[in-house]
């Protein structure tokens, strides 16, 4: 009787399983590393904007409910001959609270006031009651406040997040864009010089 050949052993796939477990971990680590590199790769306020040197996009923002003395504004309001700072902010934004005292200081700066520079607020994806409460507590530096409830206008301006501040020349040309909260150093060394440039 012929000998029965031994059946070949089935290959075990258990050796591959531990390797597959590490794939998501490796992907997560790579994404986390990319995020950290982007976060610390430079000054966020220096992010380029395709709108610098161009006219503001067409828009019309209604006023905030509950603030009847503060009208909304449109692109036409930014072509009235005055340099305007448009500050994109929200009551739920912690950095907006941090920079607000400097926005208040700017609105009361004698040189800024004499030059006729205006401050407009763009309330980004916020409830009117929350904005009204925030400004009642921290002070209201804005001549006009537009309600951008859906964030559509901010998208057209190329806004990444809040806060952001734009310096707009009297003819409606965007002269400068500052990303992130304004601090003491950027107030003195960036914002005020950029206003002076826009006034020339």
N, C-alpha and C. Protein backbone atom coordinates (compact mmCIF):
# COMPACT_ATOMS: atom_id res chain seq x y z
N UNK A 1 0.86 -1.17 0.00
CA UNK A 1 0.00 0.00 0.00
C UNK A 1 0.90 1.23 0.00
N UNK A 2 0.54 2.14 -0.87
CA UNK A 2 1.37 3.35 -1.01
C UNK A 2 1.25 4.21 0.22
N UNK A 3 2.40 4.79 0.58
CA UNK A 3 2.39 5.69 1.74
C UNK A 3 1.65 6.97 1.40
N UNK A 4 0.92 7.45 2.36
CA UNK A 4 0.15 8.70 2.16
C UNK A 4 1.08 9.86 2.45
N UNK A 5 1.19 10.74 1.46
CA UNK A 5 2.07 11.91 1.62
C UNK A 5 1.47 12.86 2.65
N UNK A 6 2.32 13.39 3.53
CA UNK A 6 1.78 14.34 4.53
C UNK A 6 1.24 15.60 3.86
N UNK A 7 0.09 16.05 4.35
CA UNK A 7 -0.54 17.25 3.79
C UNK A 7 0.27 18.48 4.20
N UNK A 8 0.55 19.41 3.23
CA UNK A 8 1.32 20.60 3.61
C UNK A 8 0.57 21.44 4.62
N UNK A 9 1.32 22.00 5.57
CA UNK A 9 0.71 22.81 6.62
C UNK A 9 0.20 24.13 6.03
N UNK A 10 -0.99 24.51 6.45
CA UNK A 10 -1.56 25.79 5.99
C UNK A 10 -0.75 26.93 6.59
N UNK A 11 -0.53 27.93 5.74
CA UNK A 11 0.23 29.10 6.23
C UNK A 11 -0.63 29.91 7.19
N UNK A 12 -0.03 30.25 8.25
CA UNK A 12 -0.75 31.05 9.25
C UNK A 12 -0.69 32.53 8.87
N UNK A 13 -1.83 33.20 8.94
CA UNK A 13 -1.89 34.64 8.66
C UNK A 13 -1.78 35.46 9.94
N UNK A 14 -1.62 34.74 11.05
CA UNK A 14 -1.57 35.47 12.33
C UNK A 14 -0.34 36.36 12.42
N UNK A 15 0.72 36.04 11.66
CA UNK A 15 1.92 36.87 11.68
C UNK A 15 1.69 38.23 11.05
N UNK A 16 0.72 38.30 10.11
CA UNK A 16 0.45 39.57 9.45
C UNK A 16 -0.42 40.48 10.30
N UNK A 17 -1.26 39.91 11.11
CA UNK A 17 -2.21 40.70 11.87
C UNK A 17 -1.57 41.75 12.76
N UNK A 18 -0.51 41.41 13.51
CA UNK A 18 0.10 42.46 14.33
C UNK A 18 0.61 43.63 13.51
N UNK A 19 1.07 43.36 12.27
CA UNK A 19 1.56 44.45 11.42
C UNK A 19 0.41 45.35 11.00
N UNK A 20 -0.75 44.77 10.69
CA UNK A 20 -1.90 45.55 10.26
C UNK A 20 -2.42 46.46 11.37
N UNK A 21 -2.23 46.03 12.60
CA UNK A 21 -2.66 46.85 13.74
C UNK A 21 -1.90 48.17 13.77
N UNK A 22 -0.64 48.16 13.31
CA UNK A 22 0.19 49.37 13.39
C UNK A 22 -0.05 50.36 12.25
N UNK A 23 -0.72 49.93 11.18
CA UNK A 23 -0.94 50.83 10.04
C UNK A 23 -1.71 52.09 10.46
N UNK A 24 -2.86 51.97 11.15
CA UNK A 24 -3.56 53.20 11.57
C UNK A 24 -2.71 54.08 12.49
N UNK A 25 -1.92 53.44 13.35
CA UNK A 25 -1.07 54.21 14.26
C UNK A 25 0.00 55.00 13.50
N UNK A 26 0.58 54.36 12.49
CA UNK A 26 1.60 55.03 11.67
C UNK A 26 0.98 56.20 10.90
N UNK A 27 -0.21 55.99 10.34
CA UNK A 27 -0.90 57.06 9.63
C UNK A 27 -1.24 58.22 10.56
N UNK A 28 -1.72 57.91 11.76
CA UNK A 28 -2.04 58.95 12.73
C UNK A 28 -0.79 59.74 13.12
N UNK A 29 0.31 59.03 13.35
CA UNK A 29 1.57 59.69 13.72
C UNK A 29 2.05 60.62 12.60
N UNK A 30 1.90 60.17 11.35
CA UNK A 30 2.33 60.99 10.22
C UNK A 30 1.49 62.26 10.12
N UNK A 31 0.17 62.12 10.29
CA UNK A 31 -0.71 63.30 10.25
C UNK A 31 -0.42 64.25 11.40
N UNK A 32 -0.18 63.70 12.59
CA UNK A 32 0.14 64.54 13.74
C UNK A 32 1.44 65.30 13.52
N UNK A 33 2.44 64.63 12.95
CA UNK A 33 3.72 65.28 12.66
C UNK A 33 3.54 66.41 11.64
N UNK A 34 2.73 66.16 10.62
CA UNK A 34 2.46 67.19 9.60
C UNK A 34 1.78 68.40 10.23
N UNK A 35 0.82 68.14 11.12
CA UNK A 35 0.11 69.22 11.79
C UNK A 35 1.07 70.07 12.63
N UNK A 36 1.94 69.42 13.38
CA UNK A 36 2.91 70.14 14.22
C UNK A 36 3.87 70.96 13.37
N UNK A 37 4.33 70.38 12.27
CA UNK A 37 5.25 71.10 11.38
C UNK A 37 4.58 72.35 10.82
N UNK A 38 3.31 72.21 10.37
CA UNK A 38 2.59 73.35 9.81
C UNK A 38 2.32 74.40 10.89
N UNK A 39 2.04 73.93 12.11
CA UNK A 39 1.72 74.84 13.20
C UNK A 39 2.89 75.72 13.57
N UNK A 40 4.08 75.17 13.55
CA UNK A 40 5.27 75.91 13.97
C UNK A 40 6.18 76.30 12.82
N UNK A 41 5.67 76.25 11.59
CA UNK A 41 6.52 76.55 10.44
C UNK A 41 6.72 78.03 10.21
N UNK A 42 5.96 78.86 10.88
CA UNK A 42 6.14 80.30 10.68
C UNK A 42 5.01 81.08 11.31
N UNK A 43 5.05 82.37 11.08
CA UNK A 43 4.07 83.29 11.63
C UNK A 43 2.78 83.17 10.84
N UNK A 44 1.69 82.78 11.51
CA UNK A 44 0.41 82.62 10.82
C UNK A 44 -0.09 83.93 10.23
N UNK A 45 0.31 85.04 10.84
CA UNK A 45 -0.14 86.34 10.34
C UNK A 45 0.44 86.66 8.98
N UNK A 46 1.44 85.91 8.56
CA UNK A 46 2.07 86.16 7.26
C UNK A 46 1.49 85.31 6.15
N UNK A 47 0.38 84.60 6.44
CA UNK A 47 -0.26 83.80 5.40
C UNK A 47 -0.63 84.70 4.22
N UNK A 48 -0.32 84.28 3.01
CA UNK A 48 -0.61 85.14 1.86
C UNK A 48 -2.11 85.23 1.60
N UNK A 49 -2.53 86.29 0.97
CA UNK A 49 -3.91 86.45 0.57
C UNK A 49 -3.97 86.87 -0.88
N UNK A 50 -4.80 86.18 -1.64
CA UNK A 50 -4.94 86.50 -3.07
C UNK A 50 -5.63 87.84 -3.26
N UNK A 51 -6.26 88.36 -2.20
CA UNK A 51 -7.02 89.61 -2.33
C UNK A 51 -6.19 90.86 -2.09
N UNK A 52 -4.97 90.72 -1.58
CA UNK A 52 -4.15 91.90 -1.34
C UNK A 52 -3.93 92.64 -2.66
N UNK A 53 -4.21 93.95 -2.63
CA UNK A 53 -4.06 94.76 -3.83
C UNK A 53 -5.28 94.73 -4.73
N UNK A 54 -6.31 94.00 -4.33
CA UNK A 54 -7.54 93.92 -5.12
C UNK A 54 -8.70 94.58 -4.38
N UNK A 55 -9.76 94.82 -5.11
CA UNK A 55 -10.97 95.37 -4.52
C UNK A 55 -11.63 94.34 -3.60
N UNK A 56 -12.29 94.84 -2.57
CA UNK A 56 -13.03 93.95 -1.68
C UNK A 56 -14.10 93.23 -2.49
N UNK A 57 -14.42 91.99 -2.15
CA UNK A 57 -15.47 91.29 -2.88
C UNK A 57 -16.83 91.95 -2.65
N UNK A 58 -17.74 91.75 -3.57
CA UNK A 58 -19.09 92.30 -3.42
C UNK A 58 -19.82 91.58 -2.29
N UNK A 59 -20.42 92.34 -1.38
CA UNK A 59 -21.18 91.75 -0.28
C UNK A 59 -22.08 92.82 0.32
N UNK A 60 -23.03 92.39 1.09
CA UNK A 60 -23.91 93.30 1.85
C UNK A 60 -24.32 92.57 3.12
N UNK A 61 -23.87 93.07 4.25
CA UNK A 61 -24.17 92.45 5.54
C UNK A 61 -25.22 93.27 6.29
N UNK A 62 -26.25 92.60 6.82
CA UNK A 62 -27.26 93.33 7.60
C UNK A 62 -26.70 93.69 8.97
N UNK A 63 -27.36 94.64 9.65
CA UNK A 63 -26.93 94.97 11.01
C UNK A 63 -27.29 93.83 11.97
N UNK A 64 -26.67 93.88 13.13
CA UNK A 64 -26.98 92.90 14.17
C UNK A 64 -28.27 93.28 14.87
N UNK A 65 -29.13 92.31 15.08
CA UNK A 65 -30.34 92.56 15.86
C UNK A 65 -29.92 92.91 17.28
N UNK A 66 -30.57 93.90 17.84
CA UNK A 66 -30.27 94.30 19.21
C UNK A 66 -29.26 95.43 19.29
N UNK A 67 -28.68 95.82 18.15
CA UNK A 67 -27.75 96.96 18.14
C UNK A 67 -28.23 97.95 17.06
N UNK A 68 -29.35 98.64 17.33
CA UNK A 68 -29.94 99.50 16.31
C UNK A 68 -29.09 100.70 15.92
N UNK A 69 -28.15 101.09 16.81
CA UNK A 69 -27.30 102.26 16.50
C UNK A 69 -26.07 101.88 15.68
N UNK A 70 -25.89 100.60 15.37
CA UNK A 70 -24.74 100.14 14.59
C UNK A 70 -25.22 99.52 13.27
N UNK A 71 -25.15 100.27 12.18
CA UNK A 71 -25.62 99.72 10.90
C UNK A 71 -24.70 98.61 10.39
N UNK A 72 -25.25 97.79 9.51
CA UNK A 72 -24.43 96.81 8.81
C UNK A 72 -23.58 97.54 7.78
N UNK A 73 -22.93 96.80 6.89
CA UNK A 73 -22.13 97.46 5.86
C UNK A 73 -21.97 96.57 4.65
N UNK A 74 -21.55 97.21 3.55
CA UNK A 74 -21.38 96.50 2.28
C UNK A 74 -20.05 96.92 1.67
N UNK A 75 -19.73 96.34 0.52
CA UNK A 75 -18.50 96.72 -0.16
C UNK A 75 -18.52 98.20 -0.56
N UNK A 76 -19.71 98.75 -0.84
CA UNK A 76 -19.81 100.17 -1.21
C UNK A 76 -19.38 101.07 -0.05
N UNK A 77 -19.63 100.64 1.18
CA UNK A 77 -19.24 101.44 2.36
C UNK A 77 -17.72 101.51 2.52
N UNK A 78 -17.01 100.59 1.88
CA UNK A 78 -15.55 100.56 1.99
C UNK A 78 -14.88 101.35 0.86
N UNK A 79 -15.69 102.04 0.07
CA UNK A 79 -15.16 102.88 -1.01
C UNK A 79 -15.54 104.34 -0.81
N UNK A 80 -15.61 104.76 0.43
CA UNK A 80 -16.05 106.12 0.74
C UNK A 80 -14.90 107.08 1.01
N UNK A 81 -13.66 106.66 0.72
CA UNK A 81 -12.52 107.55 0.87
C UNK A 81 -11.76 107.42 2.18
N UNK A 82 -12.32 106.68 3.14
CA UNK A 82 -11.66 106.49 4.44
C UNK A 82 -10.99 105.12 4.52
N UNK A 83 -9.82 105.09 5.13
CA UNK A 83 -9.21 103.80 5.45
C UNK A 83 -10.07 103.12 6.50
N UNK A 84 -10.31 101.83 6.32
CA UNK A 84 -11.17 101.08 7.25
C UNK A 84 -10.47 99.81 7.68
N UNK A 85 -10.53 99.52 8.97
CA UNK A 85 -10.10 98.22 9.48
C UNK A 85 -11.35 97.36 9.63
N UNK A 86 -11.34 96.19 8.99
CA UNK A 86 -12.44 95.25 9.13
C UNK A 86 -11.94 94.11 10.00
N UNK A 87 -12.52 94.01 11.19
CA UNK A 87 -12.12 92.99 12.16
C UNK A 87 -13.16 91.87 12.16
N UNK A 88 -12.71 90.66 11.78
CA UNK A 88 -13.59 89.49 11.76
C UNK A 88 -13.50 88.84 13.15
N UNK A 89 -14.63 88.77 13.85
CA UNK A 89 -14.59 88.32 15.24
C UNK A 89 -15.86 87.55 15.58
N UNK A 90 -15.86 86.94 16.76
CA UNK A 90 -17.04 86.23 17.26
C UNK A 90 -16.97 86.19 18.79
N UNK A 91 -18.12 86.15 19.42
CA UNK A 91 -18.15 86.12 20.89
C UNK A 91 -17.63 84.80 21.44
N UNK A 92 -17.75 83.72 20.63
CA UNK A 92 -17.31 82.40 21.09
C UNK A 92 -15.81 82.18 20.88
N UNK A 93 -15.14 83.15 20.28
CA UNK A 93 -13.71 83.03 19.93
C UNK A 93 -12.85 83.59 21.07
N UNK A 94 -12.11 82.71 21.74
CA UNK A 94 -11.28 83.14 22.88
C UNK A 94 -10.21 84.15 22.47
N UNK A 95 -9.47 83.94 21.36
CA UNK A 95 -8.48 84.94 20.96
C UNK A 95 -9.10 86.31 20.64
N UNK A 96 -10.37 86.32 20.21
CA UNK A 96 -11.04 87.59 19.95
C UNK A 96 -11.19 88.39 21.24
N UNK A 97 -11.49 87.70 22.32
CA UNK A 97 -11.58 88.37 23.63
C UNK A 97 -10.21 88.91 24.04
N UNK A 98 -9.17 88.15 23.74
CA UNK A 98 -7.81 88.56 24.12
C UNK A 98 -7.37 89.82 23.38
N UNK A 99 -7.71 89.94 22.10
CA UNK A 99 -7.26 91.09 21.31
C UNK A 99 -8.19 92.31 21.44
N UNK A 100 -9.36 92.11 22.04
CA UNK A 100 -10.38 93.16 22.01
C UNK A 100 -9.92 94.47 22.66
N UNK A 101 -9.14 94.37 23.71
CA UNK A 101 -8.68 95.61 24.37
C UNK A 101 -7.81 96.43 23.43
N UNK A 102 -7.07 95.76 22.53
CA UNK A 102 -6.24 96.47 21.56
C UNK A 102 -7.09 97.07 20.44
N UNK A 103 -8.17 96.40 20.08
CA UNK A 103 -9.11 96.96 19.11
C UNK A 103 -9.75 98.20 19.72
N UNK A 104 -10.09 98.13 21.01
CA UNK A 104 -10.65 99.29 21.71
C UNK A 104 -9.63 100.43 21.75
N UNK A 105 -8.38 100.10 22.02
CA UNK A 105 -7.33 101.13 22.07
C UNK A 105 -7.17 101.79 20.70
N UNK A 106 -7.22 100.98 19.67
CA UNK A 106 -7.08 101.50 18.31
C UNK A 106 -8.21 102.47 17.97
N UNK A 107 -9.42 102.15 18.40
CA UNK A 107 -10.56 103.01 18.09
C UNK A 107 -10.48 104.36 18.79
N UNK A 108 -9.69 104.42 19.88
CA UNK A 108 -9.55 105.67 20.64
C UNK A 108 -8.21 106.35 20.41
N UNK A 109 -7.35 105.76 19.58
CA UNK A 109 -6.02 106.34 19.31
C UNK A 109 -6.20 107.70 18.62
N UNK A 110 -5.68 108.79 19.21
CA UNK A 110 -5.89 110.13 18.65
C UNK A 110 -5.43 110.26 17.19
N UNK A 111 -4.28 109.67 16.86
CA UNK A 111 -3.77 109.77 15.49
C UNK A 111 -4.69 109.02 14.51
N UNK A 112 -5.20 107.88 14.93
CA UNK A 112 -6.10 107.09 14.09
C UNK A 112 -7.42 107.84 13.89
N UNK A 113 -7.93 108.43 14.97
CA UNK A 113 -9.19 109.19 14.90
C UNK A 113 -9.02 110.41 14.00
N UNK A 114 -7.91 111.15 14.16
CA UNK A 114 -7.66 112.35 13.34
C UNK A 114 -7.58 112.01 11.86
N UNK A 115 -7.02 110.83 11.55
CA UNK A 115 -6.87 110.41 10.15
C UNK A 115 -8.19 109.93 9.55
N UNK A 116 -9.23 109.81 10.38
CA UNK A 116 -10.54 109.38 9.87
C UNK A 116 -10.64 107.89 9.62
N UNK A 117 -9.74 107.11 10.23
CA UNK A 117 -9.78 105.65 10.06
C UNK A 117 -11.00 105.10 10.80
N UNK A 118 -11.72 104.22 10.14
CA UNK A 118 -12.92 103.62 10.73
C UNK A 118 -12.65 102.16 11.10
N UNK A 119 -13.35 101.68 12.11
CA UNK A 119 -13.29 100.26 12.48
C UNK A 119 -14.66 99.65 12.26
N UNK A 120 -14.71 98.63 11.41
CA UNK A 120 -15.93 97.89 11.16
C UNK A 120 -15.76 96.47 11.69
N UNK A 121 -16.81 95.94 12.26
CA UNK A 121 -16.78 94.58 12.77
C UNK A 121 -17.59 93.64 11.89
N UNK A 122 -17.02 92.48 11.60
CA UNK A 122 -17.73 91.44 10.86
C UNK A 122 -17.97 90.29 11.83
N UNK A 123 -19.22 90.18 12.30
CA UNK A 123 -19.57 89.16 13.29
C UNK A 123 -19.76 87.83 12.59
N UNK A 124 -18.85 86.90 12.86
CA UNK A 124 -18.76 85.65 12.11
C UNK A 124 -19.50 84.50 12.80
N UNK A 125 -20.52 83.97 12.12
CA UNK A 125 -21.25 82.77 12.58
C UNK A 125 -21.57 82.84 14.07
N UNK A 126 -22.27 83.89 14.44
CA UNK A 126 -22.56 84.10 15.86
C UNK A 126 -24.01 84.54 16.05
N UNK A 127 -24.50 84.33 17.25
CA UNK A 127 -25.85 84.76 17.59
C UNK A 127 -25.82 86.24 17.97
N UNK A 128 -26.76 87.04 17.45
CA UNK A 128 -26.77 88.47 17.76
C UNK A 128 -26.78 88.79 19.25
N UNK A 129 -27.54 88.02 20.03
CA UNK A 129 -27.60 88.27 21.47
C UNK A 129 -26.24 88.06 22.13
N UNK A 130 -25.49 87.07 21.67
CA UNK A 130 -24.17 86.81 22.24
C UNK A 130 -23.18 87.92 21.88
N UNK A 131 -23.25 88.40 20.64
CA UNK A 131 -22.39 89.51 20.22
C UNK A 131 -22.72 90.76 21.03
N UNK A 132 -24.02 91.05 21.17
CA UNK A 132 -24.45 92.24 21.92
C UNK A 132 -23.96 92.18 23.37
N UNK A 133 -24.03 90.99 23.97
CA UNK A 133 -23.57 90.83 25.35
C UNK A 133 -22.07 91.03 25.44
N UNK A 134 -21.33 90.44 24.50
CA UNK A 134 -19.87 90.56 24.48
C UNK A 134 -19.45 92.03 24.38
N UNK A 135 -20.07 92.77 23.46
CA UNK A 135 -19.69 94.17 23.26
C UNK A 135 -20.16 95.06 24.41
N UNK A 136 -21.27 94.69 25.04
CA UNK A 136 -21.74 95.46 26.20
C UNK A 136 -20.77 95.33 27.36
N UNK A 137 -20.17 94.15 27.49
CA UNK A 137 -19.24 93.92 28.60
C UNK A 137 -17.83 94.44 28.30
N UNK A 138 -17.36 94.24 27.06
CA UNK A 138 -15.96 94.58 26.73
C UNK A 138 -15.79 95.93 26.04
N UNK A 139 -16.92 96.54 25.62
CA UNK A 139 -16.85 97.80 24.90
C UNK A 139 -17.03 97.58 23.41
N UNK A 140 -17.59 98.59 22.74
CA UNK A 140 -17.87 98.47 21.32
C UNK A 140 -17.04 99.49 20.54
N UNK A 141 -15.98 99.04 19.87
CA UNK A 141 -15.11 99.96 19.14
C UNK A 141 -15.56 100.20 17.69
N UNK A 142 -16.63 99.53 17.25
CA UNK A 142 -16.98 99.51 15.84
C UNK A 142 -18.01 100.57 15.47
N UNK A 143 -17.76 101.25 14.34
CA UNK A 143 -18.74 102.20 13.79
C UNK A 143 -19.88 101.44 13.12
N UNK A 144 -19.56 100.35 12.45
CA UNK A 144 -20.54 99.49 11.79
C UNK A 144 -20.25 98.05 12.15
N UNK A 145 -21.31 97.25 12.24
CA UNK A 145 -21.14 95.81 12.50
C UNK A 145 -22.07 95.06 11.56
N UNK A 146 -21.48 94.16 10.77
CA UNK A 146 -22.27 93.34 9.86
C UNK A 146 -22.39 91.92 10.39
N UNK A 147 -23.59 91.37 10.28
CA UNK A 147 -23.84 90.01 10.75
C UNK A 147 -23.63 89.02 9.61
N UNK A 148 -22.60 88.21 9.73
CA UNK A 148 -22.29 87.17 8.73
C UNK A 148 -22.68 85.83 9.35
N UNK A 149 -23.99 85.59 9.46
CA UNK A 149 -24.50 84.43 10.20
C UNK A 149 -24.05 83.11 9.59
N UNK A 150 -23.98 83.02 8.25
CA UNK A 150 -23.60 81.77 7.60
C UNK A 150 -22.12 81.71 7.24
N UNK A 151 -21.40 82.81 7.41
CA UNK A 151 -19.97 82.82 7.11
C UNK A 151 -19.64 82.97 5.63
N UNK A 152 -20.65 83.28 4.81
CA UNK A 152 -20.43 83.36 3.36
C UNK A 152 -19.50 84.51 2.99
N UNK A 153 -19.70 85.68 3.61
CA UNK A 153 -18.86 86.84 3.30
C UNK A 153 -17.42 86.59 3.73
N UNK A 154 -17.25 86.00 4.89
CA UNK A 154 -15.89 85.69 5.37
C UNK A 154 -15.17 84.76 4.41
N UNK A 155 -15.89 83.79 3.86
CA UNK A 155 -15.29 82.88 2.88
C UNK A 155 -14.84 83.67 1.65
N UNK A 156 -15.69 84.60 1.20
CA UNK A 156 -15.33 85.41 0.03
C UNK A 156 -14.09 86.27 0.29
N UNK A 157 -13.88 86.63 1.54
CA UNK A 157 -12.69 87.41 1.92
C UNK A 157 -11.47 86.51 2.11
N UNK A 158 -11.66 85.20 2.06
CA UNK A 158 -10.54 84.27 2.25
C UNK A 158 -10.18 84.04 3.69
N UNK A 159 -11.14 84.26 4.59
CA UNK A 159 -10.88 84.11 6.03
C UNK A 159 -10.69 82.64 6.38
N UNK A 160 -9.60 82.34 7.12
CA UNK A 160 -9.33 80.98 7.59
C UNK A 160 -10.03 80.70 8.91
N UNK A 161 -10.11 81.71 9.75
CA UNK A 161 -10.71 81.57 11.07
C UNK A 161 -10.73 82.92 11.74
N UNK A 162 -11.20 82.96 12.96
CA UNK A 162 -11.28 84.22 13.67
C UNK A 162 -10.27 84.23 14.82
N UNK A 163 -9.72 85.39 15.14
CA UNK A 163 -9.93 86.68 14.48
C UNK A 163 -9.01 86.88 13.28
N UNK A 164 -9.43 87.73 12.38
CA UNK A 164 -8.61 88.24 11.29
C UNK A 164 -8.94 89.71 11.12
N UNK A 165 -7.96 90.49 10.70
CA UNK A 165 -8.16 91.92 10.52
C UNK A 165 -7.61 92.35 9.17
N UNK A 166 -8.41 93.12 8.46
CA UNK A 166 -8.04 93.63 7.14
C UNK A 166 -7.92 95.14 7.19
N UNK A 167 -6.88 95.68 6.54
CA UNK A 167 -6.75 97.11 6.35
C UNK A 167 -7.20 97.38 4.91
N UNK A 168 -8.23 98.23 4.78
CA UNK A 168 -8.81 98.52 3.45
C UNK A 168 -8.61 100.00 3.14
N UNK A 169 -8.04 100.28 1.98
CA UNK A 169 -7.84 101.66 1.55
C UNK A 169 -9.19 102.33 1.25
N UNK A 170 -9.14 103.65 1.13
CA UNK A 170 -10.36 104.41 0.91
C UNK A 170 -11.08 104.11 -0.39
N UNK A 171 -10.39 103.52 -1.34
CA UNK A 171 -11.03 103.17 -2.62
C UNK A 171 -11.54 101.73 -2.64
N UNK A 172 -11.47 101.05 -1.48
CA UNK A 172 -11.97 99.68 -1.40
C UNK A 172 -10.94 98.61 -1.71
N UNK A 173 -9.66 99.01 -1.85
CA UNK A 173 -8.59 98.04 -2.10
C UNK A 173 -8.10 97.44 -0.79
N UNK A 174 -8.00 96.13 -0.74
CA UNK A 174 -7.47 95.48 0.46
C UNK A 174 -5.95 95.67 0.48
N UNK A 175 -5.47 96.38 1.50
CA UNK A 175 -4.05 96.71 1.59
C UNK A 175 -3.27 95.70 2.42
N UNK A 176 -3.91 95.13 3.43
CA UNK A 176 -3.18 94.24 4.34
C UNK A 176 -4.16 93.31 5.05
N UNK A 177 -3.66 92.14 5.39
CA UNK A 177 -4.45 91.14 6.11
C UNK A 177 -3.62 90.60 7.27
N UNK A 178 -4.18 90.65 8.47
CA UNK A 178 -3.51 90.10 9.64
C UNK A 178 -4.32 88.92 10.15
N UNK A 179 -3.68 87.76 10.23
CA UNK A 179 -4.34 86.53 10.67
C UNK A 179 -4.02 86.28 12.14
N UNK A 180 -5.05 86.02 12.93
CA UNK A 180 -4.84 85.72 14.34
C UNK A 180 -5.07 86.95 15.21
N UNK A 181 -4.93 86.77 16.52
CA UNK A 181 -5.17 87.89 17.43
C UNK A 181 -4.05 88.92 17.39
N UNK A 182 -4.42 90.17 17.42
CA UNK A 182 -3.44 91.26 17.48
C UNK A 182 -2.90 91.33 18.91
N UNK A 183 -1.56 91.35 19.03
CA UNK A 183 -0.91 91.49 20.33
C UNK A 183 -0.23 92.83 20.42
N UNK A 184 0.39 93.09 21.56
CA UNK A 184 1.05 94.39 21.78
C UNK A 184 2.09 94.68 20.69
N UNK A 185 2.93 93.69 20.40
CA UNK A 185 4.00 93.89 19.42
C UNK A 185 3.44 94.11 18.02
N UNK A 186 2.48 93.27 17.63
CA UNK A 186 1.90 93.42 16.29
C UNK A 186 1.07 94.69 16.18
N UNK A 187 0.51 95.15 17.27
CA UNK A 187 -0.23 96.41 17.27
C UNK A 187 0.71 97.56 16.89
N UNK A 188 1.87 97.61 17.56
CA UNK A 188 2.82 98.71 17.33
C UNK A 188 3.58 98.55 16.02
N UNK A 189 4.05 97.33 15.75
CA UNK A 189 4.99 97.11 14.64
C UNK A 189 4.36 96.68 13.32
N UNK A 190 3.08 96.32 13.37
CA UNK A 190 2.43 95.86 12.14
C UNK A 190 1.18 96.69 11.83
N UNK A 191 0.21 96.68 12.73
CA UNK A 191 -1.08 97.30 12.44
C UNK A 191 -0.96 98.81 12.22
N UNK A 192 -0.33 99.53 13.16
CA UNK A 192 -0.20 100.98 12.99
C UNK A 192 0.60 101.35 11.74
N UNK A 193 1.75 100.71 11.47
CA UNK A 193 2.47 101.02 10.22
C UNK A 193 1.65 100.70 8.96
N UNK A 194 0.87 99.63 8.98
CA UNK A 194 0.06 99.30 7.80
C UNK A 194 -1.06 100.31 7.60
N UNK A 195 -1.58 100.84 8.68
CA UNK A 195 -2.59 101.91 8.56
C UNK A 195 -1.95 103.14 7.92
N UNK A 196 -0.75 103.49 8.39
CA UNK A 196 -0.04 104.66 7.85
C UNK A 196 0.21 104.48 6.34
N UNK A 197 0.63 103.28 5.93
CA UNK A 197 0.84 103.01 4.51
C UNK A 197 -0.44 103.20 3.72
N UNK A 198 -1.53 102.68 4.24
CA UNK A 198 -2.83 102.76 3.54
C UNK A 198 -3.32 104.19 3.42
N UNK A 199 -2.89 105.06 4.33
CA UNK A 199 -3.32 106.45 4.31
C UNK A 199 -2.58 107.28 3.26
N UNK A 200 -1.46 106.77 2.75
CA UNK A 200 -0.65 107.55 1.80
C UNK A 200 -1.33 107.64 0.44
